[in-house]
Amino acid sequence: MVASEVVWAETATVFGDAGRFQDAMNRLAASFSAMTKEAAIKAAEAWRRYRVGGGPRDRIAADFLIGAHALVVADRLLTRDRGFYRRYFAGLRVVDPAVGR
């Protein structure tokens, strides 16, 4: 399992301290995977499509960075927000933790 700096930062907020967070990520065997230029560009392209298509400002850059990172460096994305990621990141395998697919 890999996680970008966006996921790393968002996930770390639920832990009381950095040590507990790092221990949890180690138990999950999660690796830190920095954003690539390719992923950042794909995120920008998807965000542009979203806004040009009339998407409201309730989505932020982080949503698109997460999807693009998964598309470029991973073989799937674990998320409950399946519809959004499937729509804007064609070819990305999206897995819902609640249903396992």
PDB file of N, CA and C in Angstrom:
ATOM      1  N   MET A   1       0.847  -1.166   0.000  1.00  0.00           N
ATOM      2  CA  MET A   1       0.000   0.000   0.000  1.00  0.00           C
ATOM      3  C   MET A   1       0.896   1.233   0.000  1.00  0.00           C
ATOM      4  N   VAL A   2       0.539   2.183  -0.840  1.00  0.00           N
ATOM      5  CA  VAL A   2       1.252   3.453  -0.894  1.00  0.00           C
ATOM      6  C   VAL A   2       0.294   4.589  -0.595  1.00  0.00           C
ATOM      7  N   ALA A   3       0.830   5.670  -0.063  1.00  0.00           N
ATOM      8  CA  ALA A   3       0.021   6.850   0.236  1.00  0.00           C
ATOM      9  C   ALA A   3       0.839   8.097  -0.095  1.00  0.00           C
ATOM     10  N   SER A   4       0.197   9.004  -0.806  1.00  0.00           N
ATOM     11  CA  SER A   4       0.861  10.257  -1.159  1.00  0.00           C
ATOM     12  C   SER A   4       0.936  11.171   0.059  1.00  0.00           C
ATOM     13  N   GLU A   5       1.631  12.279  -0.109  1.00  0.00           N
ATOM     14  CA  GLU A   5       1.737  13.237   0.982  1.00  0.00           C
ATOM     15  C   GLU A   5       0.377  13.798   1.379  1.00  0.00           C
ATOM     16  N   VAL A   6      -0.550  13.870   0.427  1.00  0.00           N
ATOM     17  CA  VAL A   6      -1.897  14.358   0.733  1.00  0.00           C
ATOM     18  C   VAL A   6      -2.595  13.375   1.674  1.00  0.00           C
ATOM     19  N   VAL A   7      -2.580  12.110   1.330  1.00  0.00           N
ATOM     20  CA  VAL A   7      -3.211  11.084   2.171  1.00  0.00           C
ATOM     21  C   VAL A   7      -2.485  10.986   3.502  1.00  0.00           C
ATOM     22  N   TRP A   8      -1.166  11.059   3.458  1.00  0.00           N
ATOM     23  CA  TRP A   8      -0.358  10.983   4.679  1.00  0.00           C
ATOM     24  C   TRP A   8      -0.788  12.085   5.646  1.00  0.00           C
ATOM     25  N   ALA A   9      -0.894  13.307   5.154  1.00  0.00           N
ATOM     26  CA  ALA A   9      -1.265  14.443   6.005  1.00  0.00           C
ATOM     27  C   ALA A   9      -2.706  14.337   6.492  1.00  0.00           C
ATOM     28  N   GLU A  10      -3.625  13.971   5.592  1.00  0.00           N
ATOM     29  CA  GLU A  10      -5.028  13.856   5.997  1.00  0.00           C
ATOM     30  C   GLU A  10      -5.214  12.761   7.045  1.00  0.00           C
ATOM     31  N   THR A  11      -4.532  11.645   6.869  1.00  0.00           N
ATOM     32  CA  THR A  11      -4.663  10.520   7.804  1.00  0.00           C
ATOM     33  C   THR A  11      -4.020  10.832   9.150  1.00  0.00           C
ATOM     34  N   ALA A  12      -2.899  11.505   9.127  1.00  0.00           N
ATOM     35  CA  ALA A  12      -2.182  11.814  10.369  1.00  0.00           C
ATOM     36  C   ALA A  12      -3.001  12.687  11.310  1.00  0.00           C
ATOM     37  N   THR A  13      -3.943  13.446  10.781  1.00  0.00           N
ATOM     38  CA  THR A  13      -4.721  14.350  11.631  1.00  0.00           C
ATOM     39  C   THR A  13      -5.589  13.623  12.657  1.00  0.00           C
ATOM     40  N   VAL A  14      -5.913  12.361  12.413  1.00  0.00           N
ATOM     41  CA  VAL A  14      -6.790  11.650  13.349  1.00  0.00           C
ATOM     42  C   VAL A  14      -6.029  11.005  14.507  1.00  0.00           C
ATOM     43  N   PHE A  15      -4.703  11.091  14.479  1.00  0.00           N
ATOM     44  CA  PHE A  15      -3.891  10.514  15.540  1.00  0.00           C
ATOM     45  C   PHE A  15      -3.437  11.619  16.489  1.00  0.00           C
ATOM     46  N   GLY A  16      -3.251  11.276  17.739  1.00  0.00           N
ATOM     47  CA  GLY A  16      -2.839  12.263  18.731  1.00  0.00           C
ATOM     48  C   GLY A  16      -1.423  12.757  18.571  1.00  0.00           C
ATOM     49  N   ASP A  17      -0.566  11.921  18.026  1.00  0.00           N
ATOM     50  CA  ASP A  17       0.822  12.352  17.827  1.00  0.00           C
ATOM     51  C   ASP A  17       1.440  11.589  16.655  1.00  0.00           C
ATOM     52  N   ALA A  18       2.555  12.083  16.200  1.00  0.00           N
ATOM     53  CA  ALA A  18       3.217  11.529  15.023  1.00  0.00           C
ATOM     54  C   ALA A  18       3.673  10.089  15.240  1.00  0.00           C
ATOM     55  N   GLY A  19       4.090   9.772  16.448  1.00  0.00           N
ATOM     56  CA  GLY A  19       4.546   8.412  16.743  1.00  0.00           C
ATOM     57  C   GLY A  19       3.443   7.384  16.586  1.00  0.00           C
ATOM     58  N   ARG A  20       2.267   7.685  17.106  1.00  0.00           N
ATOM     59  CA  ARG A  20       1.130   6.766  16.972  1.00  0.00           C
ATOM     60  C   ARG A  20       0.737   6.603  15.508  1.00  0.00           C
ATOM     61  N   PHE A  21       0.749   7.714  14.785  1.00  0.00           N
ATOM     62  CA  PHE A  21       0.430   7.653  13.361  1.00  0.00           C
ATOM     63  C   PHE A  21       1.445   6.782  12.619  1.00  0.00           C
ATOM     64  N   GLN A  22       2.714   7.020  12.851  1.00  0.00           N
ATOM     65  CA  GLN A  22       3.754   6.252  12.160  1.00  0.00           C
ATOM     66  C   GLN A  22       3.666   4.767  12.511  1.00  0.00           C
ATOM     67  N   ASP A  23       3.379   4.452  13.756  1.00  0.00           N
ATOM     68  CA  ASP A  23       3.205   3.048  14.159  1.00  0.00           C
ATOM     69  C   ASP A  23       2.057   2.401  13.397  1.00  0.00           C
ATOM     70  N   ALA A  24       0.953   3.109  13.269  1.00  0.00           N
ATOM     71  CA  ALA A  24      -0.206   2.575  12.544  1.00  0.00           C
ATOM     72  C   ALA A  24       0.138   2.341  11.068  1.00  0.00           C
ATOM     73  N   MET A  25       0.803   3.292  10.456  1.00  0.00           N
ATOM     74  CA  MET A  25       1.182   3.134   9.045  1.00  0.00           C
ATOM     75  C   MET A  25       2.166   1.978   8.873  1.00  0.00           C
ATOM     76  N   ASN A  26       3.060   1.811   9.828  1.00  0.00           N
ATOM     77  CA  ASN A  26       3.994   0.678   9.772  1.00  0.00           C
ATOM     78  C   ASN A  26       3.255  -0.649   9.893  1.00  0.00           C
ATOM     79  N   ARG A  27       2.269  -0.725  10.783  1.00  0.00           N
ATOM     80  CA  ARG A  27       1.495  -1.964  10.932  1.00  0.00           C
ATOM     81  C   ARG A  27       0.730  -2.289   9.653  1.00  0.00           C
ATOM     82  N   LEU A  28       0.305  -1.266   8.939  1.00  0.00           N
ATOM     83  CA  LEU A  28      -0.384  -1.466   7.662  1.00  0.00           C
ATOM     84  C   LEU A  28       0.584  -1.722   6.505  1.00  0.00           C
ATOM     85  N   ALA A  29       1.862  -1.587   6.777  1.00  0.00           N
ATOM     86  CA  ALA A  29       2.902  -1.696   5.743  1.00  0.00           C
ATOM     87  C   ALA A  29       2.684  -0.652   4.644  1.00  0.00           C
ATOM     88  N   ALA A  30       2.246   0.531   5.056  1.00  0.00           N
ATOM     89  CA  ALA A  30       2.014   1.631   4.118  1.00  0.00           C
ATOM     90  C   ALA A  30       3.322   2.356   3.852  1.00  0.00           C
ATOM     91  N   SER A  31       3.570   2.613   2.599  1.00  0.00           N
ATOM     92  CA  SER A  31       4.772   3.338   2.195  1.00  0.00           C
ATOM     93  C   SER A  31       4.410   4.742   1.765  1.00  0.00           C
ATOM     94  N   PHE A  32       5.265   5.683   2.095  1.00  0.00           N
ATOM     95  CA  PHE A  32       5.088   7.063   1.652  1.00  0.00           C
ATOM     96  C   PHE A  32       5.532   7.131   0.194  1.00  0.00           C
ATOM     97  N   SER A  33       4.685   7.692  -0.648  1.00  0.00           N
ATOM     98  CA  SER A  33       4.976   7.798  -2.076  1.00  0.00           C
ATOM     99  C   SER A  33       4.691   9.232  -2.518  1.00  0.00           C
ATOM    100  N   ALA A  34       5.740   9.974  -2.772  1.00  0.00           N
ATOM    101  CA  ALA A  34       5.586  11.388  -3.132  1.00  0.00           C
ATOM    102  C   ALA A  34       4.909  11.548  -4.483  1.00  0.00           C
ATOM    103  N   MET A  35       4.220  12.649  -4.619  1.00  0.00           N
ATOM    104  CA  MET A  35       3.534  12.992  -5.862  1.00  0.00           C
ATOM    105  C   MET A  35       4.558  13.175  -6.982  1.00  0.00           C
ATOM    106  N   THR A  36       4.222  12.676  -8.144  1.00  0.00           N
ATOM    107  CA  THR A  36       5.077  12.872  -9.309  1.00  0.00           C
ATOM    108  C   THR A  36       4.556  14.051 -10.128  1.00  0.00           C
ATOM    109  N   LYS A  37       5.397  14.570 -10.989  1.00  0.00           N
ATOM    110  CA  LYS A  37       4.951  15.642 -11.885  1.00  0.00           C
ATOM    111  C   LYS A  37       3.810  15.155 -12.767  1.00  0.00           C
ATOM    112  N   GLU A  38       3.914  13.919 -13.257  1.00  0.00           N
ATOM    113  CA  GLU A  38       2.863  13.350 -14.112  1.00  0.00           C
ATOM    114  C   GLU A  38       1.521  13.319 -13.385  1.00  0.00           C
ATOM    115  N   ALA A  39       1.538  12.889 -12.128  1.00  0.00           N
ATOM    116  CA  ALA A  39       0.301  12.827 -11.355  1.00  0.00           C
ATOM    117  C   ALA A  39      -0.258  14.226 -11.110  1.00  0.00           C
ATOM    118  N   ALA A  40       0.598  15.193 -10.827  1.00  0.00           N
ATOM    119  CA  ALA A  40       0.139  16.559 -10.588  1.00  0.00           C
ATOM    120  C   ALA A  40      -0.536  17.134 -11.835  1.00  0.00           C
ATOM    121  N   ILE A  41       0.022  16.850 -12.994  1.00  0.00           N
ATOM    122  CA  ILE A  41      -0.570  17.330 -14.248  1.00  0.00           C
ATOM    123  C   ILE A  41      -1.911  16.639 -14.498  1.00  0.00           C
ATOM    124  N   LYS A  42      -1.985  15.325 -14.263  1.00  0.00           N
ATOM    125  CA  LYS A  42      -3.254  14.601 -14.433  1.00  0.00           C
ATOM    126  C   LYS A  42      -4.314  15.143 -13.469  1.00  0.00           C
ATOM    127  N   ALA A  43      -3.907  15.483 -12.258  1.00  0.00           N
ATOM    128  CA  ALA A  43      -4.836  16.065 -11.287  1.00  0.00           C
ATOM    129  C   ALA A  43      -5.358  17.397 -11.799  1.00  0.00           C
ATOM    130  N   ALA A  44      -4.480  18.213 -12.338  1.00  0.00           N
ATOM    131  CA  ALA A  44      -4.896  19.516 -12.872  1.00  0.00           C
ATOM    132  C   ALA A  44      -5.867  19.346 -14.031  1.00  0.00           C
ATOM    133  N   GLU A  45      -5.593  18.398 -14.902  1.00  0.00           N
ATOM    134  CA  GLU A  45      -6.474  18.155 -16.051  1.00  0.00           C
ATOM    135  C   GLU A  45      -7.858  17.701 -15.591  1.00  0.00           C
ATOM    136  N   ALA A  46      -7.895  16.807 -14.616  1.00  0.00           N
ATOM    137  CA  ALA A  46      -9.180  16.313 -14.104  1.00  0.00           C
ATOM    138  C   ALA A  46      -9.940  17.425 -13.388  1.00  0.00           C
ATOM    139  N   TRP A  47      -9.240  18.235 -12.625  1.00  0.00           N
ATOM    140  CA  TRP A  47      -9.887  19.328 -11.911  1.00  0.00           C
ATOM    141  C   TRP A  47     -10.448  20.343 -12.905  1.00  0.00           C
ATOM    142  N   ARG A  48      -9.696  20.598 -13.970  1.00  0.00           N
ATOM    143  CA  ARG A  48     -10.173  21.513 -15.008  1.00  0.00           C
ATOM    144  C   ARG A  48     -11.451  20.969 -15.654  1.00  0.00           C
ATOM    145  N   ARG A  49     -11.472  19.669 -15.997  1.00  0.00           N
ATOM    146  CA  ARG A  49     -12.685  19.058 -16.573  1.00  0.00           C
ATOM    147  C   ARG A  49     -13.867  19.194 -15.617  1.00  0.00           C
ATOM    148  N   TYR A  50     -13.614  18.971 -14.364  1.00  0.00           N
ATOM    149  CA  TYR A  50     -14.648  19.076 -13.339  1.00  0.00           C
ATOM    150  C   TYR A  50     -15.234  20.489 -13.297  1.00  0.00           C
ATOM    151  N   ARG A  51     -14.396  21.511 -13.242  1.00  0.00           N
ATOM    152  CA  ARG A  51     -14.859  22.895 -13.138  1.00  0.00           C
ATOM    153  C   ARG A  51     -15.514  23.364 -14.435  1.00  0.00           C
ATOM    154  N   VAL A  52     -14.918  23.026 -15.576  1.00  0.00           N
ATOM    155  CA  VAL A  52     -15.504  23.417 -16.857  1.00  0.00           C
ATOM    156  C   VAL A  52     -16.858  22.741 -17.052  1.00  0.00           C
ATOM    157  N   GLY A  53     -16.987  21.522 -16.526  1.00  0.00           N
ATOM    158  CA  GLY A  53     -18.244  20.791 -16.623  1.00  0.00           C
ATOM    159  C   GLY A  53     -19.301  21.261 -15.644  1.00  0.00           C
ATOM    160  N   GLY A  54     -19.012  22.304 -14.897  1.00  0.00           N
ATOM    161  CA  GLY A  54     -20.000  22.851 -13.975  1.00  0.00           C
ATOM    162  C   GLY A  54     -19.885  22.334 -12.559  1.00  0.00           C
ATOM    163  N   GLY A  55     -18.827  21.585 -12.268  1.00  0.00           N
ATOM    164  CA  GLY A  55     -18.648  21.073 -10.913  1.00  0.00           C
ATOM    165  C   GLY A  55     -18.525  22.197  -9.904  1.00  0.00           C
ATOM    166  N   PRO A  56     -19.249  22.117  -8.785  1.00  0.00           N
ATOM    167  CA  PRO A  56     -19.194  23.182  -7.775  1.00  0.00           C
ATOM    168  C   PRO A  56     -17.853  23.177  -7.042  1.00  0.00           C
ATOM    169  N   ARG A  57     -17.612  24.200  -6.302  1.00  0.00           N
ATOM    170  CA  ARG A  57     -16.344  24.347  -5.592  1.00  0.00           C
ATOM    171  C   ARG A  57     -16.268  23.481  -4.332  1.00  0.00           C
ATOM    172  N   ASP A  58     -17.122  22.470  -4.199  1.00  0.00           N
ATOM    173  CA  ASP A  58     -17.036  21.626  -3.007  1.00  0.00           C
ATOM    174  C   ASP A  58     -15.923  20.591  -3.106  1.00  0.00           C
ATOM    175  N   ARG A  59     -15.331  20.419  -4.276  1.00  0.00           N
ATOM    176  CA  ARG A  59     -14.157  19.563  -4.441  1.00  0.00           C
ATOM    177  C   ARG A  59     -12.919  20.439  -4.356  1.00  0.00           C
ATOM    178  N   ILE A  60     -11.870  19.895  -3.756  1.00  0.00           N
ATOM    179  CA  ILE A  60     -10.632  20.656  -3.634  1.00  0.00           C
ATOM    180  C   ILE A  60      -9.508  19.932  -4.359  1.00  0.00           C
ATOM    181  N   ALA A  61      -8.402  20.602  -4.528  1.00  0.00           N
ATOM    182  CA  ALA A  61      -7.268  20.035  -5.258  1.00  0.00           C
ATOM    183  C   ALA A  61      -6.847  18.684  -4.685  1.00  0.00           C
ATOM    184  N   ALA A  62      -6.920  18.521  -3.386  1.00  0.00           N
ATOM    185  CA  ALA A  62      -6.487  17.264  -2.763  1.00  0.00           C
ATOM    186  C   ALA A  62      -7.246  16.059  -3.315  1.00  0.00           C
ATOM    187  N   ASP A  63      -8.529  16.209  -3.587  1.00  0.00           N
ATOM    188  CA  ASP A  63      -9.317  15.108  -4.149  1.00  0.00           C
ATOM    189  C   ASP A  63      -8.732  14.647  -5.481  1.00  0.00           C
ATOM    190  N   PHE A  64      -8.344  15.597  -6.293  1.00  0.00           N
ATOM    191  CA  PHE A  64      -7.809  15.284  -7.614  1.00  0.00           C
ATOM    192  C   PHE A  64      -6.380  14.774  -7.517  1.00  0.00           C
ATOM    193  N   LEU A  65      -5.602  15.299  -6.586  1.00  0.00           N
ATOM    194  CA  LEU A  65      -4.236  14.810  -6.387  1.00  0.00           C
ATOM    195  C   LEU A  65      -4.243  13.348  -5.940  1.00  0.00           C
ATOM    196  N   ILE A  66      -5.158  12.996  -5.066  1.00  0.00           N
ATOM    197  CA  ILE A  66      -5.248  11.607  -4.586  1.00  0.00           C
ATOM    198  C   ILE A  66      -5.579  10.668  -5.740  1.00  0.00           C
ATOM    199  N   GLY A  67      -6.573  11.019  -6.534  1.00  0.00           N
ATOM    200  CA  GLY A  67      -6.951  10.165  -7.663  1.00  0.00           C
ATOM    201  C   GLY A  67      -5.846  10.029  -8.694  1.00  0.00           C
ATOM    202  N   ALA A  68      -5.217  11.131  -9.033  1.00  0.00           N
ATOM    203  CA  ALA A  68      -4.156  11.100 -10.041  1.00  0.00           C
ATOM    204  C   ALA A  68      -2.943  10.321  -9.542  1.00  0.00           C
ATOM    205  N   HIS A  69      -2.609  10.483  -8.274  1.00  0.00           N
ATOM    206  CA  HIS A  69      -1.488   9.728  -7.699  1.00  0.00           C
ATOM    207  C   HIS A  69      -1.752   8.230  -7.800  1.00  0.00           C
ATOM    208  N   ALA A  70      -2.949   7.817  -7.437  1.00  0.00           N
ATOM    209  CA  ALA A  70      -3.303   6.393  -7.520  1.00  0.00           C
ATOM    210  C   ALA A  70      -3.256   5.897  -8.960  1.00  0.00           C
ATOM    211  N   LEU A  71      -3.742   6.703  -9.885  1.00  0.00           N
ATOM    212  CA  LEU A  71      -3.748   6.325 -11.299  1.00  0.00           C
ATOM    213  C   LEU A  71      -2.330   6.111 -11.822  1.00  0.00           C
ATOM    214  N   VAL A  72      -1.407   6.960 -11.394  1.00  0.00           N
ATOM    215  CA  VAL A  72      -0.046   6.920 -11.927  1.00  0.00           C
ATOM    216  C   VAL A  72       0.849   5.896 -11.216  1.00  0.00           C
ATOM    217  N   VAL A  73       0.748   5.786  -9.891  1.00  0.00           N
ATOM    218  CA  VAL A  73       1.726   4.957  -9.169  1.00  0.00           C
ATOM    219  C   VAL A  73       1.161   3.698  -8.516  1.00  0.00           C
ATOM    220  N   ALA A  74      -0.147   3.510  -8.537  1.00  0.00           N
ATOM    221  CA  ALA A  74      -0.731   2.348  -7.856  1.00  0.00           C
ATOM    222  C   ALA A  74      -1.626   1.567  -8.818  1.00  0.00           C
ATOM    223  N   ASP A  75      -2.091   0.425  -8.370  1.00  0.00           N
ATOM    224  CA  ASP A  75      -2.968  -0.371  -9.230  1.00  0.00           C
ATOM    225  C   ASP A  75      -4.440  -0.258  -8.826  1.00  0.00           C
ATOM    226  N   ARG A  76      -4.719   0.513  -7.758  1.00  0.00           N
ATOM    227  CA  ARG A  76      -6.097   0.735  -7.333  1.00  0.00           C
ATOM    228  C   ARG A  76      -6.139   1.813  -6.256  1.00  0.00           C
ATOM    229  N   LEU A  77      -7.354   2.278  -5.969  1.00  0.00           N
ATOM    230  CA  LEU A  77      -7.566   3.287  -4.930  1.00  0.00           C
ATOM    231  C   LEU A  77      -8.650   2.786  -3.994  1.00  0.00           C
ATOM    232  N   LEU A  78      -8.367   2.811  -2.712  1.00  0.00           N
ATOM    233  CA  LEU A  78      -9.332   2.439  -1.688  1.00  0.00           C
ATOM    234  C   LEU A  78     -10.060   3.711  -1.243  1.00  0.00           C
ATOM    235  N   THR A  79     -11.367   3.787  -1.502  1.00  0.00           N
ATOM    236  CA  THR A  79     -12.144   4.983  -1.164  1.00  0.00           C
ATOM    237  C   THR A  79     -13.625   4.651  -1.094  1.00  0.00           C
ATOM    238  N   ARG A  80     -14.345   5.423  -0.315  1.00  0.00           N
ATOM    239  CA  ARG A  80     -15.809   5.286  -0.282  1.00  0.00           C
ATOM    240  C   ARG A  80     -16.457   6.151  -1.357  1.00  0.00           C
ATOM    241  N   ASP A  81     -15.686   7.004  -1.985  1.00  0.00           N
ATOM    242  CA  ASP A  81     -16.201   7.949  -2.982  1.00  0.00           C
ATOM    243  C   ASP A  81     -15.973   7.392  -4.391  1.00  0.00           C
ATOM    244  N   ARG A  82     -16.556   6.244  -4.648  1.00  0.00           N
ATOM    245  CA  ARG A  82     -16.300   5.515  -5.909  1.00  0.00           C
ATOM    246  C   ARG A  82     -16.707   6.301  -7.147  1.00  0.00           C
ATOM    247  N   GLY A  83     -17.895   6.862  -7.142  1.00  0.00           N
ATOM    248  CA  GLY A  83     -18.414   7.528  -8.337  1.00  0.00           C
ATOM    249  C   GLY A  83     -17.538   8.662  -8.813  1.00  0.00           C
ATOM    250  N   PHE A  84     -17.099   9.497  -7.898  1.00  0.00           N
ATOM    251  CA  PHE A  84     -16.248  10.631  -8.261  1.00  0.00           C
ATOM    252  C   PHE A  84     -14.958  10.155  -8.910  1.00  0.00           C
ATOM    253  N   TYR A  85     -14.260   9.228  -8.283  1.00  0.00           N
ATOM    254  CA  TYR A  85     -12.964   8.794  -8.807  1.00  0.00           C
ATOM    255  C   TYR A  85     -13.111   8.010 -10.110  1.00  0.00           C
ATOM    256  N   ARG A  86     -14.150   7.237 -10.241  1.00  0.00           N
ATOM    257  CA  ARG A  86     -14.373   6.524 -11.511  1.00  0.00           C
ATOM    258  C   ARG A  86     -14.665   7.498 -12.643  1.00  0.00           C
ATOM    259  N   ARG A  87     -15.388   8.551 -12.343  1.00  0.00           N
ATOM    260  CA  ARG A  87     -15.741   9.521 -13.389  1.00  0.00           C
ATOM    261  C   ARG A  87     -14.534  10.311 -13.874  1.00  0.00           C
ATOM    262  N   TYR A  88     -13.695  10.752 -12.964  1.00  0.00           N
ATOM    263  CA  TYR A  88     -12.610  11.647 -13.340  1.00  0.00           C
ATOM    264  C   TYR A  88     -11.266  10.950 -13.560  1.00  0.00           C
ATOM    265  N   PHE A  89     -11.175   9.667 -13.234  1.00  0.00           N
ATOM    266  CA  PHE A  89      -9.923   8.941 -13.421  1.00  0.00           C
ATOM    267  C   PHE A  89     -10.204   7.593 -14.083  1.00  0.00           C
ATOM    268  N   ALA A  90     -10.597   7.674 -15.334  1.00  0.00           N
ATOM    269  CA  ALA A  90     -10.897   6.466 -16.114  1.00  0.00           C
ATOM    270  C   ALA A  90      -9.673   5.551 -16.124  1.00  0.00           C
ATOM    271  N   GLY A  91      -9.934   4.285 -15.928  1.00  0.00           N
ATOM    272  CA  GLY A  91      -8.857   3.309 -15.899  1.00  0.00           C
ATOM    273  C   GLY A  91      -8.351   3.012 -14.506  1.00  0.00           C
ATOM    274  N   LEU A  92      -8.726   3.824 -13.538  1.00  0.00           N
ATOM    275  CA  LEU A  92      -8.325   3.586 -12.150  1.00  0.00           C
ATOM    276  C   LEU A  92      -9.271   2.577 -11.525  1.00  0.00           C
ATOM    277  N   ARG A  93      -8.736   1.526 -10.972  1.00  0.00           N
ATOM    278  CA  ARG A  93      -9.556   0.547 -10.250  1.00  0.00           C
ATOM    279  C   ARG A  93      -9.867   1.124  -8.877  1.00  0.00           C
ATOM    280  N   VAL A  94     -11.154   1.261  -8.584  1.00  0.00           N
ATOM    281  CA  VAL A  94     -11.596   1.864  -7.338  1.00  0.00           C
ATOM    282  C   VAL A  94     -12.234   0.786  -6.474  1.00  0.00           C
ATOM    283  N   VAL A  95     -11.786   0.708  -5.223  1.00  0.00           N
ATOM    284  CA  VAL A  95     -12.267  -0.303  -4.292  1.00  0.00           C
ATOM    285  C   VAL A  95     -12.901   0.398  -3.083  1.00  0.00           C
ATOM    286  N   ASP A  96     -14.141   0.017  -2.771  1.00  0.00           N
ATOM    287  CA  ASP A  96     -14.841   0.541  -1.612  1.00  0.00           C
ATOM    288  C   ASP A  96     -14.567  -0.385  -0.427  1.00  0.00           C
ATOM    289  N   PRO A  97     -14.021   0.127   0.677  1.00  0.00           N
ATOM    290  CA  PRO A  97     -13.703  -0.749   1.811  1.00  0.00           C
ATOM    291  C   PRO A  97     -14.939  -1.401   2.413  1.00  0.00           C
ATOM    292  N   ALA A  98     -16.107  -0.799   2.229  1.00  0.00           N
ATOM    293  CA  ALA A  98     -17.335  -1.355   2.799  1.00  0.00           C
ATOM    294  C   ALA A  98     -17.806  -2.583   2.032  1.00  0.00           C
ATOM    295  N   VAL A  99     -17.518  -2.643   0.746  1.00  0.00           N
ATOM    296  CA  VAL A  99     -18.008  -3.761  -0.064  1.00  0.00           C
ATOM    297  C   VAL A  99     -16.883  -4.598  -0.663  1.00  0.00           C
ATOM    298  N   GLY A 100     -15.643  -4.120  -0.551  1.00  0.00           N
ATOM    299  CA  GLY A 100     -14.510  -4.889  -1.050  1.00  0.00           C
ATOM    300  C   GLY A 100     -14.370  -4.889  -2.559  1.00  0.00           C
ATOM    301  N   ARG A 101     -15.094  -3.997  -3.249  1.00  0.00           N
ATOM    302  CA  ARG A 101     -14.925  -3.918  -4.712  1.00  0.00           C
ATOM    303  C   ARG A 101     -15.157  -2.510  -5.188  1.00  0.00           C
TER     304      ARG A 101
END
